[in-house]
Amino acid sequence: MEVVREYIDANQLMSVMTLPEHFKDCRLEVIVIPVEERVATVKNASDIDKAIRAISGAVPYTDMSLAELREERLQKYENID
């Protein structure tokens, strides 16, 4: 198992995560250890990529108004996280 150990200014880390206020202006040791489970985001990222490709580019010529096209696409892709 790989472990990363860094020393970092707390003010930089506070923009990433919530820390106690008394850590402000301190130097912190940060240790990153991976958990055993993998985060399953590959499928969602793929779904989002496909949705973006499907809705980008030229609007196909139909008798629908832009508002109707927009509503159709929003309904089609509303369940993608």
PDB file of N, CA and C in Angstrom:
ATOM      1  N   MET A   1       0.846  -1.171   0.000  1.00  0.00           N
ATOM      2  CA  MET A   1       0.000   0.000   0.000  1.00  0.00           C
ATOM      3  C   MET A   1       0.894   1.237   0.000  1.00  0.00           C
ATOM      4  N   GLU A   2       0.574   2.169  -0.859  1.00  0.00           N
ATOM      5  CA  GLU A   2       1.335   3.412  -0.963  1.00  0.00           C
ATOM      6  C   GLU A   2       0.741   4.461  -0.030  1.00  0.00           C
ATOM      7  N   VAL A   3       1.617   5.192   0.636  1.00  0.00           N
ATOM      8  CA  VAL A   3       1.204   6.248   1.555  1.00  0.00           C
ATOM      9  C   VAL A   3       1.928   7.526   1.157  1.00  0.00           C
ATOM     10  N   VAL A   4       1.209   8.646   1.208  1.00  0.00           N
ATOM     11  CA  VAL A   4       1.808   9.942   0.901  1.00  0.00           C
ATOM     12  C   VAL A   4       1.822  10.768   2.175  1.00  0.00           C
ATOM     13  N   ARG A   5       2.966  11.361   2.469  1.00  0.00           N
ATOM     14  CA  ARG A   5       3.123  12.180   3.671  1.00  0.00           C
ATOM     15  C   ARG A   5       3.687  13.533   3.256  1.00  0.00           C
ATOM     16  N   GLU A   6       2.971  14.596   3.580  1.00  0.00           N
ATOM     17  CA  GLU A   6       3.379  15.947   3.207  1.00  0.00           C
ATOM     18  C   GLU A   6       3.206  16.891   4.385  1.00  0.00           C
ATOM     19  N   TYR A   7       4.006  17.932   4.387  1.00  0.00           N
ATOM     20  CA  TYR A   7       3.835  19.027   5.337  1.00  0.00           C
ATOM     21  C   TYR A   7       3.278  20.198   4.540  1.00  0.00           C
ATOM     22  N   ILE A   8       2.215  20.789   5.045  1.00  0.00           N
ATOM     23  CA  ILE A   8       1.524  21.825   4.277  1.00  0.00           C
ATOM     24  C   ILE A   8       1.033  22.918   5.212  1.00  0.00           C
ATOM     25  N   ASP A   9       0.953  24.125   4.688  1.00  0.00           N
ATOM     26  CA  ASP A   9       0.413  25.251   5.438  1.00  0.00           C
ATOM     27  C   ASP A   9      -1.092  25.041   5.603  1.00  0.00           C
ATOM     28  N   ALA A  10      -1.599  25.166   6.810  1.00  0.00           N
ATOM     29  CA  ALA A  10      -3.012  24.919   7.089  1.00  0.00           C
ATOM     30  C   ALA A  10      -3.919  25.830   6.278  1.00  0.00           C
ATOM     31  N   ASN A  11      -3.488  27.051   6.001  1.00  0.00           N
ATOM     32  CA  ASN A  11      -4.325  27.977   5.248  1.00  0.00           C
ATOM     33  C   ASN A  11      -4.624  27.438   3.838  1.00  0.00           C
ATOM     34  N   GLN A  12      -3.679  26.730   3.235  1.00  0.00           N
ATOM     35  CA  GLN A  12      -3.915  26.120   1.929  1.00  0.00           C
ATOM     36  C   GLN A  12      -4.919  24.975   2.026  1.00  0.00           C
ATOM     37  N   LEU A  13      -4.816  24.209   3.088  1.00  0.00           N
ATOM     38  CA  LEU A  13      -5.693  23.057   3.266  1.00  0.00           C
ATOM     39  C   LEU A  13      -7.111  23.476   3.624  1.00  0.00           C
ATOM     40  N   MET A  14      -7.267  24.620   4.273  1.00  0.00           N
ATOM     41  CA  MET A  14      -8.597  25.082   4.676  1.00  0.00           C
ATOM     42  C   MET A  14      -9.491  25.390   3.481  1.00  0.00           C
ATOM     43  N   SER A  15      -8.900  25.642   2.319  1.00  0.00           N
ATOM     44  CA  SER A  15      -9.719  25.861   1.129  1.00  0.00           C
ATOM     45  C   SER A  15     -10.251  24.547   0.568  1.00  0.00           C
ATOM     46  N   VAL A  16      -9.700  23.422   1.027  1.00  0.00           N
ATOM     47  CA  VAL A  16     -10.102  22.110   0.539  1.00  0.00           C
ATOM     48  C   VAL A  16     -11.029  21.396   1.520  1.00  0.00           C
ATOM     49  N   MET A  17     -10.777  21.581   2.809  1.00  0.00           N
ATOM     50  CA  MET A  17     -11.576  20.899   3.824  1.00  0.00           C
ATOM     51  C   MET A  17     -11.721  21.760   5.071  1.00  0.00           C
ATOM     52  N   THR A  18     -12.721  21.452   5.866  1.00  0.00           N
ATOM     53  CA  THR A  18     -12.972  22.191   7.095  1.00  0.00           C
ATOM     54  C   THR A  18     -12.015  21.717   8.182  1.00  0.00           C
ATOM     55  N   LEU A  19     -11.336  22.674   8.795  1.00  0.00           N
ATOM     56  CA  LEU A  19     -10.402  22.379   9.878  1.00  0.00           C
ATOM     57  C   LEU A  19     -10.754  23.253  11.078  1.00  0.00           C
ATOM     58  N   PRO A  20     -10.326  22.844  12.264  1.00  0.00           N
ATOM     59  CA  PRO A  20     -10.552  23.697  13.433  1.00  0.00           C
ATOM     60  C   PRO A  20      -9.885  25.058  13.246  1.00  0.00           C
ATOM     61  N   GLU A  21     -10.500  26.089  13.742  1.00  0.00           N
ATOM     62  CA  GLU A  21     -10.005  27.458  13.568  1.00  0.00           C
ATOM     63  C   GLU A  21      -8.604  27.632  14.170  1.00  0.00           C
ATOM     64  N   HIS A  22      -8.295  26.917  15.236  1.00  0.00           N
ATOM     65  CA  HIS A  22      -6.974  27.078  15.859  1.00  0.00           C
ATOM     66  C   HIS A  22      -5.843  26.479  15.010  1.00  0.00           C
ATOM     67  N   PHE A  23      -6.173  25.788  13.907  1.00  0.00           N
ATOM     68  CA  PHE A  23      -5.153  25.309  12.976  1.00  0.00           C
ATOM     69  C   PHE A  23      -4.660  26.413  12.053  1.00  0.00           C
ATOM     70  N   LYS A  24      -5.396  27.519  12.002  1.00  0.00           N
ATOM     71  CA  LYS A  24      -5.054  28.608  11.093  1.00  0.00           C
ATOM     72  C   LYS A  24      -3.625  29.085  11.367  1.00  0.00           C
ATOM     73  N   ASP A  25      -2.881  29.348  10.297  1.00  0.00           N
ATOM     74  CA  ASP A  25      -1.493  29.813  10.351  1.00  0.00           C
ATOM     75  C   ASP A  25      -0.535  28.795  10.962  1.00  0.00           C
ATOM     76  N   CYS A  26      -0.908  27.518  10.952  1.00  0.00           N
ATOM     77  CA  CYS A  26      -0.025  26.456  11.443  1.00  0.00           C
ATOM     78  C   CYS A  26       0.471  25.620  10.266  1.00  0.00           C
ATOM     79  N   ARG A  27       1.529  24.911  10.503  1.00  0.00           N
ATOM     80  CA  ARG A  27       2.035  23.962   9.515  1.00  0.00           C
ATOM     81  C   ARG A  27       1.535  22.589   9.949  1.00  0.00           C
ATOM     82  N   LEU A  28       0.956  21.844   9.014  1.00  0.00           N
ATOM     83  CA  LEU A  28       0.344  20.558   9.338  1.00  0.00           C
ATOM     84  C   LEU A  28       1.041  19.415   8.605  1.00  0.00           C
ATOM     85  N   GLU A  29       0.991  18.261   9.210  1.00  0.00           N
ATOM     86  CA  GLU A  29       1.441  17.046   8.542  1.00  0.00           C
ATOM     87  C   GLU A  29       0.198  16.353   8.002  1.00  0.00           C
ATOM     88  N   VAL A  30       0.199  16.051   6.715  1.00  0.00           N
ATOM     89  CA  VAL A  30      -0.940  15.389   6.080  1.00  0.00           C
ATOM     90  C   VAL A  30      -0.482  14.021   5.610  1.00  0.00           C
ATOM     91  N   ILE A  31      -1.210  12.994   6.016  1.00  0.00           N
ATOM     92  CA  ILE A  31      -0.912  11.627   5.611  1.00  0.00           C
ATOM     93  C   ILE A  31      -2.114  11.113   4.835  1.00  0.00           C
ATOM     94  N   VAL A  32      -1.867  10.646   3.613  1.00  0.00           N
ATOM     95  CA  VAL A  32      -2.943  10.128   2.768  1.00  0.00           C
ATOM     96  C   VAL A  32      -2.753   8.630   2.615  1.00  0.00           C
ATOM     97  N   ILE A  33      -3.773   7.878   3.039  1.00  0.00           N
ATOM     98  CA  ILE A  33      -3.751   6.427   2.952  1.00  0.00           C
ATOM     99  C   ILE A  33      -4.998   6.001   2.182  1.00  0.00           C
ATOM    100  N   PRO A  34      -4.853   5.245   1.102  1.00  0.00           N
ATOM    101  CA  PRO A  34      -6.037   4.827   0.348  1.00  0.00           C
ATOM    102  C   PRO A  34      -6.866   3.812   1.128  1.00  0.00           C
ATOM    103  N   VAL A  35      -8.168   3.896   0.974  1.00  0.00           N
ATOM    104  CA  VAL A  35      -9.046   2.891   1.565  1.00  0.00           C
ATOM    105  C   VAL A  35      -9.126   1.715   0.601  1.00  0.00           C
ATOM    106  N   GLU A  36      -9.603   0.609   1.066  1.00  0.00           N
ATOM    107  CA  GLU A  36      -9.628  -0.606   0.257  1.00  0.00           C
ATOM    108  C   GLU A  36     -10.634  -0.537  -0.882  1.00  0.00           C
ATOM    109  N   GLU A  37     -11.737   0.153  -0.694  1.00  0.00           N
ATOM    110  CA  GLU A  37     -12.765   0.190  -1.728  1.00  0.00           C
ATOM    111  C   GLU A  37     -12.448   1.227  -2.798  1.00  0.00           C
ATOM    112  N   ARG A  38     -12.819   0.938  -4.010  1.00  0.00           N
ATOM    113  CA  ARG A  38     -12.628   1.865  -5.122  1.00  0.00           C
ATOM    114  C   ARG A  38     -13.919   2.645  -5.314  1.00  0.00           C
ATOM    115  N   VAL A  39     -13.786   3.891  -5.656  1.00  0.00           N
ATOM    116  CA  VAL A  39     -14.946   4.725  -5.906  1.00  0.00           C
ATOM    117  C   VAL A  39     -15.425   4.451  -7.331  1.00  0.00           C
ATOM    118  N   ALA A  40     -16.686   4.125  -7.476  1.00  0.00           N
ATOM    119  CA  ALA A  40     -17.243   3.778  -8.789  1.00  0.00           C
ATOM    120  C   ALA A  40     -17.759   5.016  -9.497  1.00  0.00           C
ATOM    121  N   THR A  41     -16.840   5.781 -10.101  1.00  0.00           N
ATOM    122  CA  THR A  41     -17.251   6.976 -10.819  1.00  0.00           C
ATOM    123  C   THR A  41     -17.035   6.844 -12.316  1.00  0.00           C
ATOM    124  N   VAL A  42     -16.382   5.769 -12.734  1.00  0.00           N
ATOM    125  CA  VAL A  42     -16.075   5.615 -14.150  1.00  0.00           C
ATOM    126  C   VAL A  42     -17.352   5.528 -14.972  1.00  0.00           C
ATOM    127  N   LYS A  43     -18.340   4.770 -14.505  1.00  0.00           N
ATOM    128  CA  LYS A  43     -19.584   4.626 -15.242  1.00  0.00           C
ATOM    129  C   LYS A  43     -20.306   5.964 -15.330  1.00  0.00           C
ATOM    130  N   ASN A  44     -20.394   6.685 -14.217  1.00  0.00           N
ATOM    131  CA  ASN A  44     -21.074   7.975 -14.227  1.00  0.00           C
ATOM    132  C   ASN A  44     -20.354   8.966 -15.135  1.00  0.00           C
ATOM    133  N   ALA A  45     -19.037   8.979 -15.101  1.00  0.00           N
ATOM    134  CA  ALA A  45     -18.284   9.893 -15.954  1.00  0.00           C
ATOM    135  C   ALA A  45     -18.539   9.568 -17.414  1.00  0.00           C
ATOM    136  N   SER A  46     -18.617   8.292 -17.741  1.00  0.00           N
ATOM    137  CA  SER A  46     -18.892   7.874 -19.109  1.00  0.00           C
ATOM    138  C   SER A  46     -20.291   8.299 -19.534  1.00  0.00           C
ATOM    139  N   ASP A  47     -21.275   8.113 -18.648  1.00  0.00           N
ATOM    140  CA  ASP A  47     -22.647   8.515 -18.950  1.00  0.00           C
ATOM    141  C   ASP A  47     -22.740  10.020 -19.174  1.00  0.00           C
ATOM    142  N   ILE A  48     -22.055  10.781 -18.340  1.00  0.00           N
ATOM    143  CA  ILE A  48     -22.081  12.236 -18.466  1.00  0.00           C
ATOM    144  C   ILE A  48     -21.411  12.653 -19.767  1.00  0.00           C
ATOM    145  N   ASP A  49     -20.296  12.010 -20.104  1.00  0.00           N
ATOM    146  CA  ASP A  49     -19.598  12.320 -21.352  1.00  0.00           C
ATOM    147  C   ASP A  49     -20.496  12.051 -22.559  1.00  0.00           C
ATOM    148  N   LYS A  50     -21.201  10.929 -22.535  1.00  0.00           N
ATOM    149  CA  LYS A  50     -22.116  10.611 -23.639  1.00  0.00           C
ATOM    150  C   LYS A  50     -23.245  11.635 -23.726  1.00  0.00           C
ATOM    151  N   ALA A  51     -23.770  12.042 -22.587  1.00  0.00           N
ATOM    152  CA  ALA A  51     -24.856  13.022 -22.578  1.00  0.00           C
ATOM    153  C   ALA A  51     -24.386  14.360 -23.121  1.00  0.00           C
ATOM    154  N   ILE A  52     -23.193  14.770 -22.747  1.00  0.00           N
ATOM    155  CA  ILE A  52     -22.658  16.045 -23.226  1.00  0.00           C
ATOM    156  C   ILE A  52     -22.460  15.993 -24.731  1.00  0.00           C
ATOM    157  N   ARG A  53     -21.917  14.875 -25.229  1.00  0.00           N
ATOM    158  CA  ARG A  53     -21.737  14.757 -26.679  1.00  0.00           C
ATOM    159  C   ARG A  53     -23.081  14.749 -27.407  1.00  0.00           C
ATOM    160  N   ALA A  54     -24.104  14.163 -26.782  1.00  0.00           N
ATOM    161  CA  ALA A  54     -25.418  14.092 -27.423  1.00  0.00           C
ATOM    162  C   ALA A  54     -26.099  15.456 -27.503  1.00  0.00           C
ATOM    163  N   ILE A  55     -25.817  16.331 -26.531  1.00  0.00           N
ATOM    164  CA  ILE A  55     -26.513  17.622 -26.533  1.00  0.00           C
ATOM    165  C   ILE A  55     -25.665  18.763 -27.062  1.00  0.00           C
ATOM    166  N   SER A  56     -24.401  18.514 -27.402  1.00  0.00           N
ATOM    167  CA  SER A  56     -23.577  19.600 -27.930  1.00  0.00           C
ATOM    168  C   SER A  56     -23.540  19.555 -29.441  1.00  0.00           C
ATOM    169  N   GLY A  57     -23.213  20.700 -29.982  1.00  0.00           N
ATOM    170  CA  GLY A  57     -23.119  20.801 -31.434  1.00  0.00           C
ATOM    171  C   GLY A  57     -24.351  21.445 -32.018  1.00  0.00           C
ATOM    172  N   ALA A  58     -24.571  21.196 -33.276  1.00  0.00           N
ATOM    173  CA  ALA A  58     -25.684  21.808 -33.989  1.00  0.00           C
ATOM    174  C   ALA A  58     -27.018  21.231 -33.524  1.00  0.00           C
ATOM    175  N   VAL A  59     -28.012  22.065 -33.509  1.00  0.00           N
ATOM    176  CA  VAL A  59     -29.360  21.630 -33.167  1.00  0.00           C
ATOM    177  C   VAL A  59     -29.969  21.040 -34.440  1.00  0.00           C
ATOM    178  N   PRO A  60     -30.509  19.811 -34.355  1.00  0.00           N
ATOM    179  CA  PRO A  60     -31.082  19.206 -35.555  1.00  0.00           C
ATOM    180  C   PRO A  60     -32.316  19.986 -36.022  1.00  0.00           C
ATOM    181  N   TYR A  61     -32.523  20.008 -37.320  1.00  0.00           N
ATOM    182  CA  TYR A  61     -33.671  20.725 -37.856  1.00  0.00           C
ATOM    183  C   TYR A  61     -34.927  19.894 -37.627  1.00  0.00           C
ATOM    184  N   THR A  62     -35.851  20.434 -36.860  1.00  0.00           N
ATOM    185  CA  THR A  62     -37.151  19.810 -36.622  1.00  0.00           C
ATOM    186  C   THR A  62     -38.177  20.928 -36.572  1.00  0.00           C
ATOM    187  N   ASP A  63     -39.415  20.551 -36.417  1.00  0.00           N
ATOM    188  CA  ASP A  63     -40.478  21.540 -36.275  1.00  0.00           C
ATOM    189  C   ASP A  63     -40.613  21.999 -34.826  1.00  0.00           C
ATOM    190  N   MET A  64     -39.754  21.510 -33.940  1.00  0.00           N
ATOM    191  CA  MET A  64     -39.821  21.869 -32.525  1.00  0.00           C
ATOM    192  C   MET A  64     -39.134  23.213 -32.292  1.00  0.00           C
ATOM    193  N   SER A  65     -39.634  23.939 -31.323  1.00  0.00           N
ATOM    194  CA  SER A  65     -38.981  25.198 -30.944  1.00  0.00           C
ATOM    195  C   SER A  65     -37.766  24.871 -30.081  1.00  0.00           C
ATOM    196  N   LEU A  66     -36.901  25.842 -29.880  1.00  0.00           N
ATOM    197  CA  LEU A  66     -35.731  25.618 -29.020  1.00  0.00           C
ATOM    198  C   LEU A  66     -36.155  25.267 -27.608  1.00  0.00           C
ATOM    199  N   ALA A  67     -37.218  25.891 -27.127  1.00  0.00           N
ATOM    200  CA  ALA A  67     -37.714  25.588 -25.779  1.00  0.00           C
ATOM    201  C   ALA A  67     -38.183  24.135 -25.692  1.00  0.00           C
ATOM    202  N   GLU A  68     -38.849  23.647 -26.728  1.00  0.00           N
ATOM    203  CA  GLU A  68     -39.308  22.256 -26.746  1.00  0.00           C
ATOM    204  C   GLU A  68     -38.125  21.293 -26.818  1.00  0.00           C
ATOM    205  N   LEU A  69     -37.127  21.618 -27.629  1.00  0.00           N
ATOM    206  CA  LEU A  69     -35.918  20.793 -27.707  1.00  0.00           C
ATOM    207  C   LEU A  69     -35.206  20.739 -26.361  1.00  0.00           C
ATOM    208  N   ARG A  70     -35.105  21.895 -25.723  1.00  0.00           N
ATOM    209  CA  ARG A  70     -34.441  21.970 -24.414  1.00  0.00           C
ATOM    210  C   ARG A  70     -35.173  21.100 -23.403  1.00  0.00           C
ATOM    211  N   GLU A  71     -36.483  21.195 -23.351  1.00  0.00           N
ATOM    212  CA  GLU A  71     -37.274  20.409 -22.405  1.00  0.00           C
ATOM    213  C   GLU A  71     -37.131  18.916 -22.682  1.00  0.00           C
ATOM    214  N   GLU A  72     -37.125  18.534 -23.956  1.00  0.00           N
ATOM    215  CA  GLU A  72     -36.955  17.127 -24.322  1.00  0.00           C
ATOM    216  C   GLU A  72     -35.605  16.598 -23.831  1.00  0.00           C
ATOM    217  N   ARG A  73     -34.544  17.366 -24.038  1.00  0.00           N
ATOM    218  CA  ARG A  73     -33.207  16.939 -23.608  1.00  0.00           C
ATOM    219  C   ARG A  73     -33.100  16.910 -22.086  1.00  0.00           C
ATOM    220  N   LEU A  74     -33.682  17.888 -21.402  1.00  0.00           N
ATOM    221  CA  LEU A  74     -33.631  17.889 -19.943  1.00  0.00           C
ATOM    222  C   LEU A  74     -34.312  16.648 -19.372  1.00  0.00           C
ATOM    223  N   GLN A  75     -35.440  16.269 -19.932  1.00  0.00           N
ATOM    224  CA  GLN A  75     -36.139  15.062 -19.460  1.00  0.00           C
ATOM    225  C   GLN A  75     -35.324  13.809 -19.751  1.00  0.00           C
ATOM    226  N   LYS A  76     -34.721  13.765 -20.929  1.00  0.00           N
ATOM    227  CA  LYS A  76     -33.961  12.584 -21.331  1.00  0.00           C
ATOM    228  C   LYS A  76     -32.756  12.327 -20.427  1.00  0.00           C
ATOM    229  N   TYR A  77     -32.084  13.406 -19.985  1.00  0.00           N
ATOM    230  CA  TYR A  77     -30.845  13.263 -19.219  1.00  0.00           C
ATOM    231  C   TYR A  77     -30.979  13.688 -17.762  1.00  0.00           C
ATOM    232  N   GLU A  78     -32.190  13.788 -17.217  1.00  0.00           N
ATOM    233  CA  GLU A  78     -32.364  14.283 -15.860  1.00  0.00           C
ATOM    234  C   GLU A  78     -31.828  13.353 -14.784  1.00  0.00           C
ATOM    235  N   ASN A  79     -31.672  12.075 -15.064  1.00  0.00           N
ATOM    236  CA  ASN A  79     -31.232  11.113 -14.040  1.00  0.00           C
ATOM    237  C   ASN A  79     -29.733  10.900 -14.005  1.00  0.00           C
ATOM    238  N   ILE A  80     -28.980  11.634 -14.815  1.00  0.00           N
ATOM    239  CA  ILE A  80     -27.517  11.486 -14.816  1.00  0.00           C
ATOM    240  C   ILE A  80     -26.940  12.354 -13.703  1.00  0.00           C
ATOM    241  N   ASP A  81     -26.107  11.738 -12.883  1.00  0.00           N
ATOM    242  CA  ASP A  81     -25.481  12.476 -11.767  1.00  0.00           C
ATOM    243  C   ASP A  81     -24.164  13.038 -12.181  1.00  0.00           C
TER     244      ASP A  81
END
